[in-house]
Amino acid sequence: MSWKETYEQWLKQPNLAPTLKAELDAMKDDKEIEDAFYGPLSFGTAGMRGLMGPGINRMNIYTVRQATEGLAVLMDSLGDEVKQRGVSISYDSRHHSREFAHDCTRVLGAHGIQTYIYDNVRPTPELSFAVRYNHSYAGIMITASHNPKEYNGYKIYGEDGGQMPPKESDMITEYIRQIKDIFNIQLADEQEMLNNGLEVIMGEDVDHAYLEHAKEVTINKSLAQKYGKDMKFVFSPLCGTGRMLGERALRQAGFTNFTIEPTEAQPNGDFPGLEHPNPEFPEAFVRSIKLGKEVDADVLIATDPDADRLGCAVRQPNGDYQLLTGNQIASVMLHYILEAHKQAGTLPANAAAVKSIVSTNFAAKIAADYNVQMINVLTGFKWIADQIHQYESGKADHTFMFGFEESYGYLIKPFVRDKDAIQSLTLLAEIAAYYKSRNMTMYDGVQELFEKYGYFKEKTISNTYAGVDGPAKIQGLMKKFREEAPTEFAGHKVVLTEDFSNNTKKTADGKISELGIPESNVLRYVLDDDTWIAIRPSGTEPKLKFYIGTSADSDTASEQKLTDFENALQAFAEA
């Protein structure tokens, strides 16, 4: 059907949810209506994410039920054992998240599928943990992560606690598209499900189990014992899910002298004062910086609304605070983990760290200094989870030490199989205590690493192509880079071109070999000064992302290189 026909179909629905009915009646602009109805919300390996409201290209109870019905049909096809293992479900503080989560339960219940759902908001990493704790077949997390308040999303997890693998995700997508009537998906009575045990409410039992495992994150307990009561830092959950579990994890690790930013302490889907509740943005730290100066805090730490990502700001000598990038935080974490284990004599001979192909070489250089192998994987934490599975199953002889993505996601201990800001919060407090034991701040520590390993800088540029024409524009730009095959940027020659869509790497002299990594729509260029540039469409948003990573022997030189490469990259894209 055309978007107008789909729109008319919605208008004629006799029992449309009252809130959606009011929003639908208020829609008058043709472009707005077309965008809401021109096609279904994209469902990929990371699930789906979009604006909330009426329409098939929006997050609402009908699109959520449709996605869950797709999962239920897949589980039906796999038999009773899979259905009995069931699905674990969590949700964040956004508007409609609780409603969406309980609708997922009712759809699954209509198929006789066991469900486990939290009694209140919980972080994404605790959902990953719950899948493993319950031995569930799958998991559902209702969240739009760090997007503005108008958004919500649906993330789907596999039985290992990592995001659903592509094969199963593609099957779910196929089943979703076969559902023609999204308004009449069967729903079970939730009270009946509770009475017969088909729905189980999770709470303190799983929290306690998670926190017991979180004790493993601490490497040097004496640091917290000696400095944890005196070291001052500010923690903000940015009106999301991170406070309850984060505060408990900090206290059990021995850190008690932290202040929680009061305005951002409680879950609130309006995210007051936070246009973007995203800890990679300076505006997310405005209130924390003010509070930090009042209490003389060494470090400011913020977790995003579903507490899978973490950002921080460190106090400089002049008393101001400087935000660290995700790459810098990860590099500091990796260095501390390896150094602490080396000093303790517990660094395994087969130690390995894992990062995405668009993350910094800073961490790779640190790993090499400790004779630790750095494994590169595709973007998406499920690929890091896959590496952990290979290590634990004996398919690869490595011991997992740390995994990260440049987008402020880190994992220390693999009892969770997704990025985990609660673990990261605890480790970062320990790292701050480590530098305090050396009469240094974390800012000093970052400078020390730069001086030793080089001044690494990275930048991610996200170009948004929204609306009906967005996908075609993104595809057109990827095609342009492939067909015109740039040979230099900013006066530096391309010495290696990696095209992950066909698993090939090509040197400047034309030699072609295999990458040995799963296929993905990503291009990556390595230049003659070890700078790298990558291009990939976002898996959850209508964006084309450009990544640049470079280094030099001074901060100024590295910054200038970053600017030069960004200008050259944009010029090629726009030519």
Protein backbone atom coordinates (compact mmCIF):
# COMPACT_ATOMS: atom_id res chain seq x y z
CA MET A 1 0.00 0.00 0.00
CA SER A 2 1.00 3.62 -0.45
CA TRP A 3 1.66 5.76 2.60
CA LYS A 4 -1.70 7.48 2.08
CA GLU A 5 -3.54 4.14 2.06
CA THR A 6 -1.74 3.02 5.21
CA TYR A 7 -2.56 6.35 6.86
CA GLU A 8 -6.24 5.95 5.93
CA GLN A 9 -6.18 2.42 7.34
CA TRP A 10 -5.01 3.78 10.69
CA LEU A 11 -7.65 6.52 10.63
CA LYS A 12 -10.37 3.90 10.18
CA GLN A 13 -9.28 1.67 13.06
CA PRO A 14 -12.24 1.56 15.47
CA ASN A 15 -10.27 0.66 18.60
CA LEU A 16 -7.04 2.58 18.14
CA ALA A 17 -5.34 3.35 21.46
CA PRO A 18 -6.76 6.71 22.68
CA THR A 19 -3.38 8.46 22.97
CA LEU A 20 -2.35 7.38 19.48
CA LYS A 21 -5.78 8.34 18.14
CA ALA A 22 -5.37 11.88 19.50
CA GLU A 23 -1.86 12.16 18.04
CA LEU A 24 -3.07 10.82 14.69
CA ASP A 25 -5.92 13.34 14.53
CA ALA A 26 -3.46 16.14 15.29
CA MET A 27 -1.20 15.26 12.33
CA LYS A 28 -1.85 17.79 9.54
CA ASP A 29 1.47 18.16 7.71
CA ASP A 30 1.76 15.84 4.70
CA LYS A 31 5.51 15.41 5.10
CA GLU A 32 5.09 14.40 8.73
CA ILE A 33 2.35 11.94 7.80
CA GLU A 34 4.36 10.48 4.93
CA ASP A 35 7.39 9.98 7.15
CA ALA A 36 5.26 8.15 9.73
CA PHE A 37 3.57 5.84 7.20
CA TYR A 38 5.80 5.42 4.12
CA GLY A 39 7.37 2.18 5.32
CA PRO A 40 7.87 0.00 8.38
CA LEU A 41 10.35 0.90 11.07
CA SER A 42 13.62 -0.78 10.19
CA PHE A 43 14.31 -3.96 12.17
CA GLY A 44 17.96 -4.95 12.07
CA THR A 45 20.46 -6.96 14.09
CA ALA A 46 20.25 -4.31 16.84
CA GLY A 47 16.43 -4.33 16.82
CA MET A 48 14.61 -1.10 16.06
CA ARG A 49 14.62 2.49 17.24
CA GLY A 50 12.55 5.50 16.26
CA LEU A 51 10.29 8.36 17.21
CA MET A 52 7.25 7.47 19.31
CA GLY A 53 3.82 8.08 17.79
CA PRO A 54 1.26 6.69 15.36
CA GLY A 55 2.42 5.03 12.14
CA ILE A 56 4.28 1.97 10.93
CA ASN A 57 7.54 3.96 10.95
CA ARG A 58 7.12 4.84 14.62
CA MET A 59 7.54 3.18 18.00
CA ASN A 60 4.08 2.39 19.40
CA ILE A 61 2.24 -0.55 20.94
CA TYR A 62 1.37 -1.95 17.52
CA THR A 63 4.89 -1.97 16.08
CA VAL A 64 6.21 -3.36 19.39
CA ARG A 65 3.59 -6.13 19.34
CA GLN A 66 4.43 -6.87 15.71
CA ALA A 67 8.15 -7.24 16.48
CA THR A 68 7.40 -9.49 19.46
CA GLU A 69 5.02 -11.61 17.39
CA GLY A 70 7.90 -12.17 14.96
CA LEU A 71 10.06 -13.45 17.84
CA ALA A 72 7.19 -15.61 19.12
CA VAL A 73 6.64 -17.24 15.72
CA LEU A 74 10.35 -18.04 15.52
CA MET A 75 10.24 -19.63 18.96
CA ASP A 76 7.11 -21.59 17.98
CA SER A 77 9.07 -23.08 15.10
CA LEU A 78 11.87 -24.18 17.44
CA GLY A 79 9.69 -26.26 19.74
CA ASP A 80 8.51 -26.53 23.34
CA GLU A 81 11.96 -26.62 24.96
CA VAL A 82 12.79 -23.18 23.56
CA LYS A 83 9.37 -21.82 24.58
CA GLN A 84 9.82 -23.13 28.12
CA ARG A 85 13.21 -21.42 28.40
CA GLY A 86 11.39 -18.26 27.48
CA VAL A 87 12.31 -14.58 27.18
CA SER A 88 13.73 -12.14 29.75
CA ILE A 89 12.45 -8.56 29.48
CA SER A 90 13.59 -5.19 30.83
CA TYR A 91 12.89 -1.53 30.15
CA ASP A 92 14.28 1.93 30.82
CA SER A 93 12.86 5.22 32.10
CA ARG A 94 11.46 6.51 28.81
CA HIS A 95 7.80 7.26 28.22
CA HIS A 96 5.86 4.11 27.28
CA SER A 97 8.81 1.81 28.06
CA ARG A 98 6.92 -0.04 30.80
CA GLU A 99 3.82 -0.32 28.62
CA PHE A 100 5.82 -1.64 25.68
CA ALA A 101 7.61 -4.18 27.87
CA HIS A 102 4.39 -5.57 29.33
CA ASP A 103 2.83 -5.76 25.86
CA CYS A 104 5.81 -7.92 24.86
CA THR A 105 4.96 -10.21 27.77
CA ARG A 106 1.32 -10.49 26.69
CA VAL A 107 2.20 -11.29 23.06
CA LEU A 108 4.61 -14.01 24.14
CA GLY A 109 2.10 -15.34 26.66
CA ALA A 110 -0.48 -15.84 23.91
CA HIS A 111 1.98 -18.31 22.38
CA GLY A 112 2.53 -20.11 25.69
CA ILE A 113 6.07 -18.72 25.98
CA GLN A 114 7.59 -18.31 29.44
CA THR A 115 8.49 -14.70 30.33
CA TYR A 116 10.61 -13.04 33.02
CA ILE A 117 10.10 -9.30 33.45
CA TYR A 118 11.64 -6.84 35.91
CA ASP A 119 9.48 -5.17 38.54
CA ASN A 120 10.81 -1.76 37.54
CA VAL A 121 13.37 -0.08 35.28
CA ARG A 122 16.73 -1.83 34.99
CA PRO A 123 19.90 -1.24 32.95
CA THR A 124 20.49 -2.96 29.63
CA PRO A 125 23.51 -4.89 31.00
CA GLU A 126 21.31 -6.38 33.72
CA LEU A 127 18.96 -7.60 30.99
CA SER A 128 21.93 -9.26 29.30
CA PHE A 129 22.81 -10.81 32.66
CA ALA A 130 19.20 -11.96 33.23
CA VAL A 131 19.13 -13.84 29.92
CA ARG A 132 22.10 -15.88 31.12
CA TYR A 133 20.84 -16.13 34.72
CA ASN A 134 17.44 -17.48 33.59
CA HIS A 135 18.91 -19.58 30.75
CA SER A 136 16.40 -17.81 28.50
CA TYR A 137 16.33 -18.32 24.77
CA ALA A 138 16.07 -14.57 24.14
CA GLY A 139 15.87 -11.16 25.77
CA ILE A 140 14.04 -7.92 25.01
CA MET A 141 15.20 -4.50 26.21
CA ILE A 142 12.90 -1.52 25.67
CA THR A 143 15.21 1.48 25.33
CA ALA A 144 16.41 4.14 22.93
CA SER A 145 19.71 4.35 24.76
CA HIS A 146 20.99 7.94 24.64
CA ASN A 147 18.51 9.37 22.08
CA PRO A 148 16.30 12.40 22.92
CA LYS A 149 13.09 11.91 24.89
CA GLU A 150 10.91 11.62 21.77
CA TYR A 151 12.50 8.26 20.90
CA ASN A 152 12.16 4.72 22.09
CA GLY A 153 13.53 1.41 20.89
CA TYR A 154 13.48 -2.38 21.01
CA LYS A 155 16.69 -4.37 21.42
CA ILE A 156 16.66 -8.13 21.09
CA TYR A 157 19.16 -10.51 22.68
CA GLY A 158 20.22 -14.07 22.02
CA GLU A 159 20.67 -16.92 24.47
CA ASP A 160 24.30 -16.02 25.23
CA GLY A 161 23.24 -12.60 26.54
CA GLY A 162 24.65 -10.82 23.49
CA GLN A 163 22.54 -9.08 20.91
CA MET A 164 20.68 -11.50 18.65
CA PRO A 165 22.96 -13.02 15.96
CA PRO A 166 22.26 -11.99 12.34
CA LYS A 167 20.83 -15.35 11.28
CA GLU A 168 18.11 -15.38 13.94
CA SER A 169 17.54 -11.64 13.61
CA ASP A 170 16.95 -12.04 9.86
CA MET A 171 14.46 -14.83 10.53
CA ILE A 172 12.57 -12.62 12.99
CA THR A 173 12.52 -9.81 10.41
CA GLU A 174 11.05 -12.23 7.85
CA TYR A 175 8.32 -13.31 10.26
CA ILE A 176 7.58 -9.67 11.17
CA ARG A 177 7.05 -8.74 7.54
CA GLN A 178 4.58 -11.61 7.11
CA ILE A 179 2.25 -10.07 9.72
CA LYS A 180 -0.40 -8.19 7.76
CA ASP A 181 -2.75 -7.04 10.53
CA ILE A 182 -0.79 -5.42 13.34
CA PHE A 183 -3.97 -4.28 15.09
CA ASN A 184 -5.23 -7.77 15.97
CA ILE A 185 -2.20 -9.57 17.35
CA GLN A 186 -3.39 -11.91 20.11
CA LEU A 187 -2.61 -10.86 23.69
CA ALA A 188 -2.71 -13.00 26.81
CA ASP A 189 -4.24 -11.84 30.09
CA GLU A 190 -1.28 -10.84 32.23
CA GLN A 191 -2.93 -11.68 35.55
CA GLU A 192 -3.62 -15.20 34.30
CA MET A 193 0.01 -15.49 33.22
CA LEU A 194 1.14 -14.48 36.70
CA ASN A 195 -1.29 -16.92 38.32
CA ASN A 196 -0.12 -19.90 36.27
CA GLY A 197 3.58 -19.00 36.39
CA LEU A 198 3.91 -18.19 32.70
CA GLU A 199 5.07 -14.71 33.76
CA VAL A 200 7.68 -14.33 36.50
CA ILE A 201 8.55 -10.97 38.05
CA MET A 202 12.27 -10.36 38.56
CA GLY A 203 13.70 -8.02 41.16
CA GLU A 204 16.11 -8.18 44.08
CA ASP A 205 16.97 -11.81 43.36
CA VAL A 206 18.58 -10.93 40.04
CA ASP A 207 19.99 -7.63 41.36
CA HIS A 208 21.79 -9.54 44.12
CA ALA A 209 23.15 -12.14 41.70
CA TYR A 210 24.43 -9.41 39.36
CA LEU A 211 26.11 -7.53 42.21
CA GLU A 212 27.82 -10.70 43.45
CA HIS A 213 29.42 -11.04 40.02
CA ALA A 214 30.23 -7.31 39.97
CA LYS A 215 32.63 -7.89 42.86
CA GLU A 216 34.92 -9.54 40.28
CA VAL A 217 35.46 -6.17 38.57
CA THR A 218 37.63 -4.85 41.42
CA ILE A 219 41.28 -5.77 40.89
CA ASN A 220 43.07 -4.04 43.77
CA LYS A 221 40.78 -3.95 46.82
CA SER A 222 43.35 -2.08 48.90
CA LEU A 223 42.97 1.04 46.73
CA ALA A 224 39.33 1.42 47.68
CA GLN A 225 40.09 0.62 51.31
CA LYS A 226 42.78 3.29 51.49
CA TYR A 227 41.38 6.01 49.22
CA GLY A 228 37.71 5.15 48.69
CA LYS A 229 36.46 7.10 51.69
CA ASP A 230 38.37 10.27 50.80
CA MET A 231 38.30 10.40 47.02
CA LYS A 232 35.56 12.73 45.80
CA PHE A 233 33.65 12.23 42.59
CA VAL A 234 30.23 13.01 41.14
CA PHE A 235 27.97 10.36 39.60
CA SER A 236 24.96 11.12 37.39
CA PRO A 237 22.62 8.48 35.91
CA LEU A 238 21.13 11.19 33.62
CA CYS A 239 17.54 10.47 34.76
CA GLY A 240 17.89 6.85 33.66
CA THR A 241 18.31 3.38 35.10
CA GLY A 242 21.85 3.54 36.48
CA ARG A 243 21.48 4.83 40.02
CA MET A 244 20.17 1.87 42.03
CA LEU A 245 22.58 -0.72 40.71
CA GLY A 246 25.46 1.74 40.21
CA GLU A 247 25.28 3.13 43.74
CA ARG A 248 25.21 -0.35 45.24
CA ALA A 249 28.10 -1.54 43.08
CA LEU A 250 30.22 1.45 44.15
CA ARG A 251 29.49 0.99 47.84
CA GLN A 252 30.22 -2.73 47.84
CA ALA A 253 33.56 -1.96 46.14
CA GLY A 254 34.41 0.41 49.00
CA PHE A 255 33.67 3.80 47.41
CA THR A 256 31.46 5.92 49.65
CA ASN A 257 32.52 9.54 49.14
CA PHE A 258 30.65 10.18 45.90
CA THR A 259 27.83 12.64 45.29
CA ILE A 260 24.89 11.84 43.02
CA GLU A 261 23.73 14.79 40.94
CA PRO A 262 20.27 15.34 42.52
CA THR A 263 18.37 16.70 39.50
CA GLU A 264 19.42 13.73 37.40
CA ALA A 265 19.23 11.08 40.12
CA GLN A 266 15.75 9.67 39.53
CA PRO A 267 14.31 7.96 36.41
CA ASN A 268 12.44 10.56 34.35
CA GLY A 269 11.39 10.11 30.72
CA ASP A 270 11.29 13.88 30.19
CA PHE A 271 15.06 14.12 30.87
CA PRO A 272 14.62 17.69 32.19
CA GLY A 273 17.41 19.98 31.07
CA LEU A 274 18.93 17.21 28.93
CA GLU A 275 18.06 17.64 25.27
CA HIS A 276 20.44 14.78 24.58
CA PRO A 277 20.88 12.47 27.61
CA ASN A 278 24.15 11.34 26.14
CA PRO A 279 27.35 11.18 28.23
CA GLU A 280 29.53 11.84 25.20
CA PHE A 281 28.09 15.38 24.90
CA PRO A 282 29.39 18.29 27.02
CA GLU A 283 25.85 19.51 27.77
CA ALA A 284 25.17 16.29 29.69
CA PHE A 285 27.80 17.39 32.23
CA VAL A 286 26.68 20.98 32.84
CA ARG A 287 25.07 20.28 36.21
CA SER A 288 27.73 17.74 37.20
CA ILE A 289 30.48 20.28 36.52
CA LYS A 290 28.76 22.86 38.73
CA LEU A 291 28.38 20.29 41.50
CA GLY A 292 31.91 19.00 40.97
CA LYS A 293 33.37 22.43 41.60
CA GLU A 294 31.27 22.81 44.74
CA VAL A 295 32.47 19.51 46.26
CA ASP A 296 35.99 19.63 44.76
CA ALA A 297 35.51 16.36 42.83
CA ASP A 298 38.41 14.71 41.01
CA VAL A 299 36.18 12.97 38.46
CA LEU A 300 32.66 13.35 37.08
CA ILE A 301 30.99 10.17 35.77
CA ALA A 302 27.70 9.86 33.87
CA THR A 303 25.82 6.84 32.57
CA ASP A 304 23.29 7.03 29.75
CA PRO A 305 19.57 6.27 30.35
CA ASP A 306 19.86 2.49 29.94
CA ALA A 307 23.26 2.42 31.68
CA ASP A 308 25.19 0.59 29.02
CA ARG A 309 27.38 3.59 28.08
CA LEU A 310 29.53 5.75 30.32
CA GLY A 311 31.29 9.09 29.93
CA CYS A 312 33.51 11.03 32.29
CA ALA A 313 35.16 14.39 32.82
CA VAL A 314 38.46 14.83 34.68
CA ARG A 315 39.67 17.82 36.68
CA GLN A 316 42.50 19.77 35.09
CA PRO A 317 45.19 21.69 37.01
CA ASN A 318 43.24 24.96 36.59
CA GLY A 319 40.16 23.45 38.25
CA ASP A 320 38.11 23.12 35.07
CA TYR A 321 36.89 19.76 33.83
CA GLN A 322 37.79 18.11 30.53
CA LEU A 323 35.61 15.43 28.96
CA LEU A 324 37.41 12.30 27.87
CA THR A 325 36.40 10.57 24.66
CA GLY A 326 35.18 7.00 24.64
CA ASN A 327 38.46 5.95 23.08
CA GLN A 328 40.46 7.70 25.80
CA ILE A 329 38.36 6.18 28.61
CA ALA A 330 38.79 2.73 27.09
CA SER A 331 42.55 3.20 26.73
CA VAL A 332 42.89 4.32 30.35
CA MET A 333 40.81 1.34 31.48
CA LEU A 334 42.80 -1.16 29.42
CA HIS A 335 46.12 0.23 30.64
CA TYR A 336 45.02 0.00 34.26
CA ILE A 337 43.66 -3.54 33.89
CA LEU A 338 46.87 -4.81 32.29
CA GLU A 339 49.19 -2.94 34.65
CA ALA A 340 47.27 -4.02 37.77
CA HIS A 341 47.27 -7.65 36.69
CA LYS A 342 50.94 -7.46 35.75
CA GLN A 343 51.83 -6.09 39.19
CA ALA A 344 49.70 -8.76 40.85
CA GLY A 345 51.22 -11.50 38.71
CA THR A 346 47.78 -12.47 37.35
CA LEU A 347 48.11 -11.36 33.71
CA PRO A 348 47.48 -14.49 31.61
CA ALA A 349 50.00 -15.41 28.92
CA ASN A 350 47.16 -15.71 26.42
CA ALA A 351 45.44 -12.45 27.39
CA ALA A 352 43.41 -10.69 24.70
CA ALA A 353 41.42 -7.48 24.39
CA VAL A 354 38.73 -6.89 21.78
CA LYS A 355 37.70 -3.68 20.05
CA SER A 356 35.63 -2.65 17.07
CA ILE A 357 37.28 -1.79 13.75
CA VAL A 358 36.33 1.88 14.19
CA SER A 359 37.93 2.22 17.64
CA THR A 360 41.29 3.74 18.54
CA ASN A 361 44.74 2.34 17.87
CA PHE A 362 45.77 3.97 21.17
CA ALA A 363 44.46 0.89 23.00
CA ALA A 364 46.11 -1.43 20.48
CA LYS A 365 49.48 0.18 21.17
CA ILE A 366 48.98 -0.21 24.93
CA ALA A 367 48.02 -3.87 24.49
CA ALA A 368 51.13 -4.53 22.38
CA ASP A 369 53.32 -3.04 25.14
CA TYR A 370 52.02 -5.75 27.50
CA ASN A 371 52.26 -8.51 24.86
CA VAL A 372 48.48 -8.73 24.84
CA GLN A 373 46.73 -9.47 21.57
CA MET A 374 44.21 -6.93 20.32
CA ILE A 375 41.38 -8.50 18.30
CA ASN A 376 39.43 -6.30 15.87
CA VAL A 377 35.76 -7.07 15.21
CA LEU A 378 32.86 -5.45 13.39
CA THR A 379 30.90 -2.64 15.03
CA GLY A 380 28.25 -3.95 17.39
CA PHE A 381 28.91 -5.43 20.80
CA LYS A 382 27.50 -8.78 19.70
CA TRP A 383 30.79 -9.35 17.87
CA ILE A 384 32.72 -8.82 21.10
CA ALA A 385 30.30 -11.25 22.78
CA ASP A 386 31.00 -13.72 19.96
CA GLN A 387 34.74 -13.52 20.65
CA ILE A 388 34.15 -14.22 24.34
CA HIS A 389 32.07 -17.27 23.38
CA GLN A 390 34.91 -18.52 21.18
CA TYR A 391 37.38 -18.19 24.07
CA GLU A 392 35.12 -19.93 26.57
CA SER A 393 34.19 -22.74 24.18
CA GLY A 394 37.82 -23.42 23.33
CA LYS A 395 37.54 -22.35 19.69
CA ALA A 396 40.26 -19.77 20.33
CA ASP A 397 43.00 -19.91 22.95
CA HIS A 398 42.62 -16.52 24.63
CA THR A 399 41.59 -15.14 28.00
CA PHE A 400 39.27 -12.14 27.72
CA MET A 401 40.55 -9.07 29.56
CA PHE A 402 38.52 -6.16 28.16
CA GLY A 403 36.27 -5.19 25.26
CA PHE A 404 35.17 -1.79 23.99
CA GLU A 405 33.71 0.35 21.25
CA GLU A 406 34.55 3.99 20.65
CA SER A 407 30.91 4.90 21.29
CA TYR A 408 31.45 4.89 25.09
CA GLY A 409 30.77 1.19 25.61
CA TYR A 410 33.06 -1.07 27.68
CA LEU A 411 32.98 -4.56 29.20
CA ILE A 412 35.35 -5.77 31.89
CA LYS A 413 33.96 -9.11 33.08
CA PRO A 414 32.00 -11.38 30.73
CA PHE A 415 29.17 -12.36 33.09
CA VAL A 416 27.43 -9.73 30.92
CA ARG A 417 27.67 -9.94 27.14
CA ASP A 418 26.99 -6.33 26.25
CA LYS A 419 28.58 -3.02 27.15
CA ASP A 420 28.12 -2.39 30.85
CA ALA A 421 28.28 1.06 32.45
CA ILE A 422 27.79 -0.37 35.95
CA GLN A 423 30.97 -2.42 35.69
CA SER A 424 32.71 0.55 34.07
CA LEU A 425 31.60 2.92 36.84
CA THR A 426 33.17 0.67 39.47
CA LEU A 427 36.42 0.23 37.57
CA LEU A 428 36.73 3.94 36.82
CA ALA A 429 36.42 4.73 40.54
CA GLU A 430 39.26 2.28 41.20
CA ILE A 431 41.37 3.89 38.47
CA ALA A 432 40.81 7.33 40.01
CA ALA A 433 41.94 5.89 43.35
CA TYR A 434 45.02 4.41 41.65
CA TYR A 435 46.09 7.81 40.34
CA LYS A 436 45.31 9.42 43.70
CA SER A 437 47.67 6.89 45.31
CA ARG A 438 50.35 8.31 43.01
CA ASN A 439 49.41 11.94 43.86
CA MET A 440 47.94 12.33 40.38
CA THR A 441 44.53 13.03 38.92
CA MET A 442 43.08 11.00 36.09
CA TYR A 443 43.84 13.97 33.83
CA ASP A 444 47.51 13.54 34.76
CA GLY A 445 47.19 9.84 34.01
CA VAL A 446 45.87 10.47 30.50
CA GLN A 447 48.71 12.88 29.80
CA GLU A 448 51.20 10.29 31.05
CA LEU A 449 49.82 7.73 28.59
CA PHE A 450 49.95 10.23 25.71
CA GLU A 451 53.58 11.01 26.47
CA LYS A 452 54.46 7.33 26.49
CA TYR A 453 52.41 6.02 23.57
CA GLY A 454 51.72 9.07 21.37
CA TYR A 455 48.99 11.65 21.04
CA PHE A 456 46.06 9.74 19.54
CA LYS A 457 42.93 11.55 18.42
CA GLU A 458 39.73 10.30 16.84
CA LYS A 459 36.54 11.81 15.57
CA THR A 460 33.16 10.43 14.56
CA ILE A 461 31.08 12.46 12.10
CA SER A 462 27.41 11.48 11.85
CA ASN A 463 25.51 12.79 8.83
CA THR A 464 21.75 12.33 9.17
CA TYR A 465 19.63 11.51 6.10
CA ALA A 466 16.08 11.31 7.45
CA GLY A 467 12.83 10.74 5.61
CA VAL A 468 11.81 8.78 2.54
CA ASP A 469 14.95 9.59 0.52
CA GLY A 470 17.37 8.95 3.38
CA PRO A 471 18.27 5.30 2.65
CA ALA A 472 18.91 6.04 -1.04
CA LYS A 473 21.23 8.93 -0.17
CA ILE A 474 23.23 6.75 2.21
CA GLN A 475 23.49 3.96 -0.36
CA GLY A 476 24.53 6.48 -3.00
CA LEU A 477 27.40 7.79 -0.90
CA MET A 478 28.66 4.29 -0.09
CA LYS A 479 28.53 3.51 -3.82
CA LYS A 480 30.47 6.68 -4.62
CA PHE A 481 33.31 5.77 -2.25
CA ARG A 482 33.50 2.26 -3.69
CA GLU A 483 33.36 3.19 -7.35
CA GLU A 484 35.59 6.27 -7.25
CA ALA A 485 38.05 4.53 -4.88
CA PRO A 486 39.99 7.43 -3.31
CA THR A 487 43.76 7.02 -3.42
CA GLU A 488 44.70 9.83 -1.01
CA PHE A 489 43.33 12.12 1.69
CA ALA A 490 44.95 15.40 2.81
CA GLY A 491 48.12 14.62 0.90
CA HIS A 492 48.59 11.17 2.40
CA LYS A 493 48.35 8.08 0.23
CA VAL A 494 45.92 5.26 0.86
CA VAL A 495 48.10 2.19 1.39
CA LEU A 496 45.29 -0.24 2.22
CA THR A 497 41.58 -0.29 1.38
CA GLU A 498 39.39 -2.69 3.33
CA ASP A 499 35.89 -3.44 2.03
CA PHE A 500 34.02 -5.50 4.56
CA SER A 501 31.05 -5.96 2.22
CA ASN A 502 33.05 -8.48 0.17
CA ASN A 503 35.66 -9.47 2.79
CA THR A 504 38.62 -8.04 0.85
CA LYS A 505 41.60 -5.83 1.53
CA LYS A 506 43.52 -4.23 -1.31
CA THR A 507 46.99 -2.67 -1.14
CA ALA A 508 48.05 0.38 -3.15
CA ASP A 509 49.84 -1.88 -5.67
CA GLY A 510 46.63 -3.84 -6.32
CA LYS A 511 47.28 -6.96 -4.24
CA ILE A 512 43.98 -8.38 -2.93
CA SER A 513 43.50 -10.76 0.00
CA GLU A 514 40.77 -11.79 2.45
CA LEU A 515 39.98 -9.89 5.63
CA GLY A 516 38.78 -12.98 7.45
CA ILE A 517 35.89 -11.21 9.14
CA PRO A 518 32.08 -11.39 8.62
CA GLU A 519 30.66 -9.27 5.83
CA SER A 520 29.30 -5.81 6.63
CA ASN A 521 28.66 -2.58 4.73
CA VAL A 522 31.84 -0.86 5.90
CA LEU A 523 34.79 0.73 4.10
CA ARG A 524 38.08 1.41 5.84
CA TYR A 525 41.22 3.14 4.56
CA VAL A 526 44.70 3.01 6.07
CA LEU A 527 47.02 5.87 5.08
CA ASP A 528 50.78 6.12 4.83
CA ASP A 529 51.07 7.82 8.26
CA ASP A 530 48.99 5.11 10.01
CA THR A 531 45.90 7.31 10.03
CA TRP A 532 42.73 5.35 9.32
CA ILE A 533 39.34 6.41 7.99
CA ALA A 534 36.15 4.31 8.09
CA ILE A 535 32.67 4.78 6.64
CA ARG A 536 29.54 2.85 7.60
CA PRO A 537 25.77 3.36 7.74
CA SER A 538 24.31 3.29 11.25
CA GLY A 539 22.46 0.10 12.15
CA THR A 540 19.76 1.86 14.17
CA GLU A 541 19.41 5.41 12.80
CA PRO A 542 19.23 7.10 9.36
CA LYS A 543 22.87 8.18 9.53
CA LEU A 544 26.08 7.69 7.61
CA LYS A 545 29.02 7.65 9.99
CA PHE A 546 32.58 8.70 9.16
CA TYR A 547 35.39 7.78 11.56
CA ILE A 548 38.91 9.20 11.63
CA GLY A 549 41.76 8.01 13.81
CA THR A 550 45.20 9.61 13.78
CA SER A 551 48.24 10.24 15.98
CA ALA A 552 51.31 12.47 16.23
CA ASP A 553 54.09 13.36 18.65
CA SER A 554 52.19 16.33 20.11
CA ASP A 555 48.61 17.22 20.92
CA THR A 556 48.67 20.21 18.55
CA ALA A 557 50.02 18.20 15.62
CA SER A 558 47.48 15.43 16.16
CA GLU A 559 44.61 17.92 16.31
CA GLN A 560 45.75 19.57 13.08
CA LYS A 561 45.94 16.21 11.31
CA LEU A 562 42.44 15.39 12.46
CA THR A 563 41.13 18.68 11.03
CA ASP A 564 42.94 18.17 7.72
CA PHE A 565 41.59 14.66 7.25
CA GLU A 566 38.07 15.69 8.19
CA ASN A 567 38.10 18.48 5.60
CA ALA A 568 39.48 16.14 2.93
CA LEU A 569 36.91 13.47 3.71
CA GLN A 570 33.97 15.88 3.59
CA ALA A 571 35.27 17.40 0.33
CA PHE A 572 35.38 13.96 -1.32
CA ALA A 573 31.90 13.08 -0.06
CA GLU A 574 30.40 16.33 -1.33
CA ALA A 575 32.23 16.47 -4.69
